[in-house]
């Protein structure tokens, strides 16, 4: 039986293909014990091992993203259903702003029920947050909302 030929690729090509730095590729090779071919200065790697490692890393990344989204959803639910006044204490207000948000994030005509952007202004004024701090909070909230719910929710 004839064995299929291995496709060998160099570190630079792998780095360019996957958008990572060359030291990252060398780290993968070491960690996942890829077979080494070629000279030490011009190391070559088996493409099948490279692709298998990449698939394994992608699967782990997807699983981590799912776990993170689940954890953020849990924190969001706990904070929304807690009887505490999240706007009373400065630190609680900041955490609530990051994980739940003080502004209405739904796409509809804002009214007194949802509060629109007014709740953020009231909380910011109560705790003496500067406009820069409010913008920072909005950026953090947008990042959390995107991770938790997908890109459509974030402001």
Foldseek 3Di string as FASTA:
>chain_A
DDDDDFDKDWLVVLCVVVVHDSVVVVVLCVVVVFDWDDDPVTTITGVVSSVVSVVVVVVVVVVVLVVLLVVLVVVQVVVVPDPDPQLPDPVSVLVCCLSPRQADQDPDDDDVVRCHCNRLVVSCVVVVPDPVRSVVSLVSNQVSCCSNPNNSRRD
